[in-house]
Protein backbone atom coordinates (compact mmCIF):
# COMPACT_ATOMS: atom_id res chain seq x y z
CA MET A 1 8.21 -9.23 -23.91
CA GLY A 2 9.39 -5.60 -23.86
CA CYS A 3 12.80 -4.35 -24.96
CA LEU A 4 13.92 -3.81 -21.37
CA ASN A 5 13.06 -7.42 -20.46
CA CYS A 6 14.94 -8.71 -23.52
CA ILE A 7 18.06 -7.02 -22.18
CA ARG A 8 17.41 -8.02 -18.58
CA VAL A 9 16.72 -11.76 -18.99
CA PRO A 10 20.25 -12.85 -20.06
CA LEU A 11 21.76 -10.88 -17.18
CA VAL A 12 19.33 -12.45 -14.73
CA PHE A 13 20.16 -15.98 -15.87
CA PHE A 14 23.90 -15.22 -15.81
CA PHE A 15 23.72 -14.00 -12.22
CA ARG A 16 21.60 -17.01 -11.21
CA CYS A 17 24.24 -19.36 -12.66
CA VAL A 18 27.08 -17.58 -10.88
CA VAL A 19 25.33 -17.76 -7.50
CA TYR A 20 24.36 -21.40 -8.08
CA TYR A 21 27.87 -22.61 -8.99
CA LEU A 22 29.88 -20.27 -6.73
CA PRO A 23 27.75 -19.85 -3.59
CA CYS A 24 30.83 -19.33 -1.40
CA LEU A 25 31.32 -15.88 -2.96
CA PHE A 26 27.98 -14.68 -1.64
CA LYS A 27 27.92 -16.12 1.87
CA HIS A 28 27.64 -13.84 4.86
CA ARG A 29 27.17 -14.57 8.53
CA VAL A 30 24.57 -13.03 10.78
CA GLU A 31 25.59 -13.07 14.43
CA ILE A 32 22.52 -13.21 16.67
CA LYS A 33 23.17 -13.94 20.34
CA VAL A 34 19.86 -13.05 21.97
CA SER A 35 16.82 -15.24 22.60
CA LEU A 36 13.94 -15.61 20.15
CA SER A 37 11.68 -13.46 22.33
CA ASP A 38 14.33 -10.72 22.48
CA GLN A 39 14.69 -10.85 18.69
CA LEU A 40 10.95 -10.27 18.36
CA ARG A 41 11.10 -7.36 20.81
CA GLN A 42 13.97 -5.80 18.87
CA ASN A 43 11.94 -6.05 15.66
CA TYR A 44 9.11 -4.01 17.16
CA SER A 45 8.92 -0.37 16.13
CA ARG A 46 7.79 2.18 18.71
CA ARG A 47 5.88 3.99 15.98
CA GLY A 48 3.83 0.83 15.39
CA GLY A 49 4.32 -2.47 13.61
CA PHE A 50 7.00 -5.16 13.43
CA HIS A 51 9.99 -4.95 11.13
CA THR A 52 9.88 -7.95 8.86
CA ASN A 53 13.32 -9.29 9.78
CA TYR A 54 16.80 -8.74 11.22
CA TYR A 55 17.71 -5.98 8.74
CA ARG A 56 14.75 -3.80 9.85
CA THR A 57 14.35 -1.93 6.58
CA GLU A 58 10.61 -2.58 6.18
CA ILE A 59 7.46 -2.82 8.28
CA SER A 60 4.90 -4.95 6.46
CA THR A 61 1.22 -4.62 7.40
CA ARG A 62 0.76 -8.25 6.34
CA ASP A 63 3.68 -9.59 8.42
CA THR A 64 2.70 -7.43 11.37
CA PHE A 65 -0.80 -8.92 11.30
CA TYR A 66 0.49 -12.49 11.51
CA ALA A 67 3.03 -11.52 14.18
CA LEU A 68 0.14 -10.03 16.17
CA LEU A 69 -1.85 -13.25 15.72
CA GLY A 70 0.90 -14.97 17.68
CA LEU A 71 0.58 -12.41 20.47
CA PHE A 72 -3.22 -12.67 20.45
CA MET A 73 -2.90 -16.42 20.97
CA LYS A 74 -1.16 -15.63 24.26
CA ARG A 75 -3.83 -13.05 25.16
CA ARG A 76 -1.41 -10.23 24.51
CA GLY A 77 -0.72 -7.78 21.72
CA THR A 78 -3.69 -5.39 21.86
CA GLU A 79 -1.45 -2.41 22.66
CA GLU A 80 0.81 -3.24 19.73
CA ALA A 81 -2.26 -3.75 17.52
CA LEU A 82 -3.69 -0.37 18.52
CA LYS A 83 -0.37 1.29 17.74
CA ILE A 84 -0.24 -0.02 14.17
CA PHE A 85 -3.98 0.68 13.74
CA GLN A 86 -3.43 4.32 14.66
CA ARG A 87 -0.37 4.57 12.44
CA LEU A 88 -2.22 3.13 9.44
CA SER A 89 -5.13 5.48 10.15
CA ARG A 90 -2.84 8.50 9.96
CA ASP A 91 -1.42 7.36 6.61
CA MET A 92 -4.70 6.26 5.02
CA THR A 93 -5.24 7.92 1.66
CA ALA A 94 -8.13 10.31 1.02
CA ASP A 95 -10.09 7.57 -0.76
CA GLY A 96 -9.49 5.01 2.03
CA GLN A 97 -6.49 2.87 1.08
CA VAL A 98 -4.32 1.63 3.95
CA PRO A 99 -0.51 1.38 3.52
CA SER A 100 0.70 -2.15 2.84
CA ALA A 101 4.16 -1.41 4.23
CA TYR A 102 6.62 1.21 5.44
CA VAL A 103 10.09 1.20 3.94
CA PHE A 104 13.08 2.92 5.50
CA THR A 105 14.50 5.92 3.59
CA TRP A 106 16.96 8.65 4.54
CA SER A 107 14.02 11.00 5.17
CA GLY A 108 12.08 8.54 7.35
CA ASP A 109 9.65 5.67 6.91
CA LYS A 110 7.77 5.92 3.62
CA PRO A 111 4.28 4.35 3.31
CA VAL A 112 3.80 1.95 0.40
CA TYR A 113 0.45 1.48 -1.35
CA LYS A 114 1.33 -0.32 -4.60
CA LYS A 115 3.50 -3.14 -5.91
CA GLU A 116 4.73 -2.64 -9.46
CA SER A 117 2.02 -0.03 -10.11
CA VAL A 118 -0.90 -2.17 -8.86
CA PRO A 119 -2.67 -1.45 -5.54
CA ILE A 120 -2.17 -3.91 -2.68
CA VAL A 121 -5.62 -4.74 -1.36
CA ASP A 122 -5.25 -6.99 1.70
CA ALA A 123 -3.81 -4.30 4.01
CA ASN A 124 -7.31 -2.81 4.34
CA MET A 125 -8.60 -6.16 5.57
CA TYR A 126 -5.89 -6.56 8.21
CA TYR A 127 -6.62 -3.01 9.35
CA ILE A 128 -10.32 -3.67 9.95
CA ILE A 129 -9.77 -7.07 11.61
CA LEU A 130 -7.25 -5.48 14.00
CA ALA A 131 -9.73 -2.72 14.83
CA TRP A 132 -12.23 -5.27 16.12
CA LYS A 133 -9.49 -7.14 18.05
CA CYS A 134 -8.61 -3.88 19.82
CA TYR A 135 -12.16 -2.89 20.74
CA ASP A 136 -12.48 -4.69 24.10
CA SER A 137 -9.27 -3.14 25.42
CA PHE A 138 -9.55 0.30 23.79
CA PRO A 139 -13.23 1.04 23.04
CA LYS A 140 -12.85 4.84 22.96
CA GLU A 141 -9.94 4.77 20.53
CA ILE A 142 -11.69 2.35 18.17
CA GLU A 143 -14.91 4.35 18.36
CA HIS A 144 -12.93 7.37 17.16
CA GLY A 145 -11.46 5.22 14.37
CA TYR A 146 -14.79 3.76 13.23
CA LEU A 147 -15.17 6.28 10.40
CA HIS A 148 -11.70 5.28 9.20
CA CYS A 149 -12.84 1.64 9.15
CA GLN A 150 -15.88 2.58 7.09
CA ARG A 151 -13.69 4.47 4.62
CA ALA A 152 -11.28 1.54 4.45
CA TYR A 153 -14.12 -0.87 3.69
CA ARG A 154 -15.65 1.40 1.03
CA TRP A 155 -12.29 1.44 -0.77
CA LEU A 156 -12.01 -2.33 -0.41
CA GLU A 157 -15.53 -2.76 -1.78
CA THR A 158 -14.44 -1.33 -5.14
CA PHE A 159 -12.63 -4.66 -5.65
CA VAL A 160 -15.69 -6.78 -4.76
CA PHE A 161 -18.05 -8.11 -7.42
CA LYS A 162 -20.78 -10.68 -6.74
CA ASP A 163 -19.51 -11.46 -3.21
CA THR A 164 -16.00 -12.07 -4.55
CA LEU A 165 -12.91 -10.02 -3.82
CA HIS A 166 -10.76 -9.56 -6.93
CA GLU A 167 -7.08 -8.62 -6.61
CA PRO A 168 -4.68 -7.44 -9.31
CA VAL A 169 -2.23 -10.15 -10.35
CA GLY A 170 1.00 -9.76 -8.36
CA ALA A 171 -0.60 -7.85 -5.48
CA SER A 172 -1.70 -10.75 -3.26
CA TRP A 173 0.54 -12.77 -0.94
CA GLN A 174 0.60 -15.48 -3.62
CA ASN A 175 2.30 -13.09 -6.02
CA THR A 176 4.20 -15.80 -7.93
CA ILE A 177 1.03 -17.63 -9.05
CA LYS A 178 -1.12 -16.66 -12.01
CA HIS A 179 -4.77 -16.00 -11.26
CA ASP A 180 -7.69 -14.19 -12.83
CA GLY A 181 -8.46 -11.99 -9.83
CA PRO A 182 -10.09 -14.09 -7.07
CA VAL A 183 -7.71 -15.69 -4.54
CA LEU A 184 -9.14 -17.99 -1.86
CA LEU A 185 -6.89 -16.72 0.94
CA SER A 186 -7.93 -13.13 0.29
CA ASN A 187 -11.61 -14.06 0.22
CA VAL A 188 -11.29 -15.88 3.55
CA LEU A 189 -9.74 -12.69 4.94
CA HIS A 190 -12.58 -10.73 3.35
CA ILE A 191 -15.18 -12.85 5.14
CA GLN A 192 -13.50 -12.10 8.48
CA THR A 193 -13.29 -8.42 7.53
CA ILE A 194 -17.04 -8.32 6.94
CA ARG A 195 -17.59 -10.08 10.27
CA SER A 196 -15.37 -7.53 12.02
CA MET A 197 -17.32 -4.64 10.48
CA GLU A 198 -20.56 -6.30 11.58
CA CYS A 199 -19.28 -6.61 15.17
CA LEU A 200 -18.02 -3.02 15.23
CA ALA A 201 -21.39 -1.77 13.96
CA CYS A 202 -23.14 -3.82 16.65
CA VAL A 203 -21.14 -2.52 19.64
CA LEU A 204 -21.28 1.05 18.30
CA LYS A 205 -25.07 0.77 17.78
CA ASP A 206 -24.97 1.43 14.05
CA SER A 207 -27.94 -0.82 13.30
CA ARG A 208 -28.24 0.04 9.60
CA GLN A 209 -24.62 -0.91 8.91
CA GLN A 210 -24.93 -3.98 11.13
CA GLU A 211 -27.86 -5.35 9.10
CA LEU A 212 -25.99 -4.62 5.88
CA PHE A 213 -22.90 -6.55 7.04
CA ILE A 214 -24.93 -9.46 8.42
CA ALA A 215 -26.37 -9.96 4.93
CA LYS A 216 -22.94 -9.59 3.31
CA HIS A 217 -21.43 -12.11 5.72
CA LYS A 218 -24.08 -14.73 4.98
CA GLN A 219 -23.66 -14.31 1.23
CA ALA A 220 -19.86 -14.49 1.38
CA LEU A 221 -19.94 -17.59 3.59
CA SER A 222 -22.39 -19.40 1.33
CA LYS A 223 -20.18 -18.70 -1.67
CA TRP A 224 -16.72 -19.42 -0.24
CA VAL A 225 -17.12 -22.14 2.43
CA PRO A 226 -17.60 -24.83 -0.27
CA GLU A 227 -14.34 -23.63 -1.84
CA ILE A 228 -12.56 -24.01 1.51
CA TYR A 229 -13.54 -27.68 1.62
CA LYS A 230 -12.38 -28.28 -1.96
CA THR A 231 -9.08 -26.38 -2.06
CA GLN A 232 -5.54 -27.79 -1.87
CA GLU A 233 -4.28 -24.60 -0.18
CA THR A 234 -3.55 -24.95 3.53
CA LEU A 235 -3.29 -21.38 4.88
CA PRO A 236 -6.88 -20.32 4.03
CA ARG A 237 -8.13 -23.56 5.60
CA ILE A 238 -6.12 -22.96 8.78
CA LEU A 239 -7.52 -19.43 9.07
CA SER A 240 -11.06 -20.67 8.36
CA ILE A 241 -10.71 -23.11 11.28
CA HIS A 242 -9.40 -20.33 13.51
CA TRP A 243 -12.30 -18.03 12.63
CA ASN A 244 -14.93 -20.80 12.89
CA MET A 245 -15.99 -20.70 9.25
CA VAL A 246 -16.03 -24.49 8.99
CA ARG A 247 -17.31 -27.28 11.21
CA THR A 248 -14.97 -28.57 13.93
CA ASP A 249 -15.00 -32.11 12.48
CA PHE A 250 -13.20 -30.66 9.43
CA ILE A 251 -9.97 -30.58 11.45
CA GLN A 252 -9.53 -34.36 11.47
CA SER A 253 -9.93 -34.82 7.73
CA PHE A 254 -7.74 -31.80 7.00
CA ASP A 255 -4.98 -33.10 9.26
CA GLN A 256 -5.06 -36.51 7.59
CA GLU A 257 -4.59 -34.78 4.23
CA LEU A 258 -1.30 -33.22 5.38
CA GLN A 259 0.86 -36.17 4.37
CA CYS A 260 4.12 -34.21 4.65
CA PRO A 261 7.02 -33.94 7.12
CA LEU A 262 6.06 -30.28 7.66
CA VAL A 263 2.83 -28.36 7.04
CA PRO A 264 2.89 -27.52 3.30
CA LEU A 265 1.39 -24.53 1.54
CA ARG A 266 -0.44 -26.94 -0.76
CA THR A 267 -1.56 -30.53 -0.34
CA ALA A 268 -1.39 -33.14 -3.10
CA GLY A 269 -4.13 -32.92 -5.69
CA PRO A 270 -5.07 -32.52 -9.33
CA VAL A 271 -4.65 -28.75 -9.64
CA LYS A 272 -1.18 -27.49 -10.58
CA ASP A 273 -0.84 -23.73 -10.30
CA GLU A 274 0.87 -21.94 -13.16
CA THR A 275 3.65 -19.59 -12.13
CA THR A 276 4.02 -16.06 -13.45
CA TRP A 277 6.64 -15.35 -16.09
CA SER A 278 8.56 -13.06 -13.74
CA ALA A 279 8.68 -15.68 -10.95
CA TRP A 280 10.04 -18.30 -13.38
CA VAL A 281 12.75 -15.99 -14.70
CA TYR A 282 13.93 -14.98 -11.24
CA GLY A 283 13.81 -18.54 -9.85
CA ARG A 284 10.91 -17.98 -7.46
CA GLN A 285 8.39 -20.29 -9.13
CA ASP A 286 8.15 -22.58 -6.06
CA LEU A 287 7.85 -19.80 -3.48
CA HIS A 288 4.13 -20.33 -2.82
CA THR A 289 3.86 -24.01 -3.68
CA THR A 290 6.60 -26.24 -2.21
CA ILE A 291 8.95 -24.02 -0.17
CA VAL A 292 8.56 -24.44 3.61
CA TRP A 293 7.23 -21.43 5.55
CA PRO A 294 7.54 -22.46 9.23
CA TRP A 295 5.15 -19.78 10.45
CA VAL A 296 2.27 -21.55 8.68
CA GLY A 297 3.03 -24.71 10.66
CA TYR A 298 3.32 -22.82 13.95
CA LEU A 299 0.03 -21.05 13.21
CA TYR A 300 -1.60 -24.44 12.63
CA MET A 301 -0.30 -25.70 16.00
CA CYS A 302 -1.71 -22.63 17.75
CA VAL A 303 -5.09 -23.08 16.04
CA LEU A 304 -5.16 -26.77 17.00
CA CYS A 305 -4.47 -25.86 20.64
CA SER A 306 -7.19 -23.20 20.63
CA GLN A 307 -9.58 -25.89 19.29
CA ARG A 308 -8.49 -28.29 22.09
CA ARG A 309 -6.61 -30.59 19.73
CA THR A 310 -3.42 -30.53 21.77
CA SER A 311 -2.34 -34.07 20.90
CA LEU A 312 -2.39 -33.22 17.19
CA ALA A 313 -0.44 -30.04 17.89
CA GLN A 314 2.16 -32.01 19.86
CA LYS A 315 2.64 -34.31 16.88
CA TRP A 316 3.44 -31.36 14.63
CA TRP A 317 5.63 -29.68 17.26
CA ALA A 318 7.87 -32.74 17.33
CA LYS A 319 8.39 -32.40 13.57
CA TYR A 320 9.46 -28.77 13.90
CA THR A 321 12.12 -29.30 16.59
CA LYS A 322 14.77 -29.30 13.82
CA PHE A 323 14.39 -25.52 13.68
CA ASN A 324 15.41 -25.23 17.34
CA HIS A 325 19.07 -25.72 16.45
CA HIS A 326 19.33 -22.36 14.71
CA GLN A 327 20.29 -19.08 16.42
CA THR A 328 17.23 -17.56 14.87
CA LEU A 329 14.25 -18.44 12.70
CA PHE A 330 14.17 -17.65 8.99
CA ASP A 331 11.08 -17.01 6.89
CA ILE A 332 11.62 -19.76 4.27
CA TYR A 333 13.43 -23.11 4.14
CA ASP A 334 14.23 -25.72 1.51
CA LYS A 335 11.68 -28.54 1.58
CA ASP A 336 14.35 -31.27 1.23
CA THR A 337 17.31 -30.06 3.31
CA HIS A 338 15.31 -27.90 5.74
CA PHE A 339 18.07 -25.29 5.53
CA PRO A 340 17.42 -21.59 4.86
CA ILE A 341 17.19 -20.84 1.13
CA ARG A 342 19.90 -18.80 -0.57
CA ARG A 343 19.45 -18.13 -4.26
CA ALA A 344 20.32 -15.24 -6.55
CA PHE A 345 16.90 -13.59 -6.22
CA LEU A 346 15.43 -15.49 -3.29
CA LYS A 347 17.07 -15.47 0.14
CA SER A 348 15.80 -16.52 3.54
CA MET A 349 15.62 -13.63 5.96
CA PRO A 350 16.80 -14.17 9.56
CA SER A 351 14.79 -13.13 12.61
CA ASP A 352 11.48 -13.20 10.74
CA SER A 353 8.88 -11.53 12.97
CA LYS A 354 5.82 -13.60 12.12
CA THR A 355 7.78 -16.87 12.44
CA LEU A 356 9.25 -15.83 15.80
CA SER A 357 5.89 -14.71 17.17
CA LEU A 358 3.93 -17.80 16.14
CA ARG A 359 6.71 -20.14 17.23
CA LEU A 360 6.75 -18.54 20.70
CA ALA A 361 2.95 -18.78 20.83
CA ALA A 362 3.03 -22.50 19.96
CA GLN A 363 5.69 -23.07 22.61
CA HIS A 364 3.56 -21.22 25.14
CA PHE A 365 0.50 -23.33 24.31
CA LEU A 366 2.26 -26.68 24.35
CA HIS A 367 4.77 -26.22 27.15
CA GLY A 368 3.37 -23.41 29.22
CA THR A 369 6.63 -21.55 28.79
CA VAL A 370 6.49 -17.91 29.81
CA VAL A 371 7.71 -16.03 26.73
């Protein structure tokens, strides 16, 4: 532990105790009087991408991707996807890295490429997957961006060894969990990225690249599909169902494993993930294990509906009606009280774009509501 951390830790624990025992001193109200669909529209940036939440200080490539998934489920969103694709293309580095976020500063939106000095890898994957999603609606624009996609994949490939994508610790979405490089969720995304590059090469008649990516896709599937069946993590399994990486009869056994009131991030099992030192100190050790992220549940409902498992989706929708009593939807909730979390260094954010988008998509699927 460095000298700076030795000084910081007592102050961190002191502040955590103050917030825990005197929460009334830190309460604030957010007045939101518009519908969920209007909140999502207000979060959209004309320059491309969705602001992460009500405060609109950041546009996350990751959050924008999942918000767009909700729009894609309703057969919408290609214009918004093209806009963020073009924006990311303009801000791609010379060696091919895509910005992971844009943060608001006095001089304008600033692109972000690293988190605590380590590069964030998954933005390149979202970029390439979105390029393929846009192709049918905007073939000319994506054809012009194909070289950017190739550059983005070449940069991404520097993190791939033996058909496995390795990420720096702290850079993946599961940034509170220790790992030695490979993360299942990121490798599921990588498989879909390879598939998207294969499809782009096919429609653009780049046969050499197409053959290369067909081989890569087969190798990645053979390595990671067995891990999808064995894992306790739910999000990579939901995405693997959506992208047809597993057999359709997997849905039934997976659903039976979700013995929880709400869709968890992890199912019960023998493996207990070890949290990072920083997450433990700041009280975020449960962020990617037991805290409720409603957007994961809404994504699962949408995937079930797209796989014609509407009755299963209805069952889960009934469990999520408790969130309908709020003015807005937050990104994270307490697993026991189902109220938004408010801690010293971990606070639920109102009007969360990905949660709003996927909730509206699930409502559209299950009730035919025009949203």
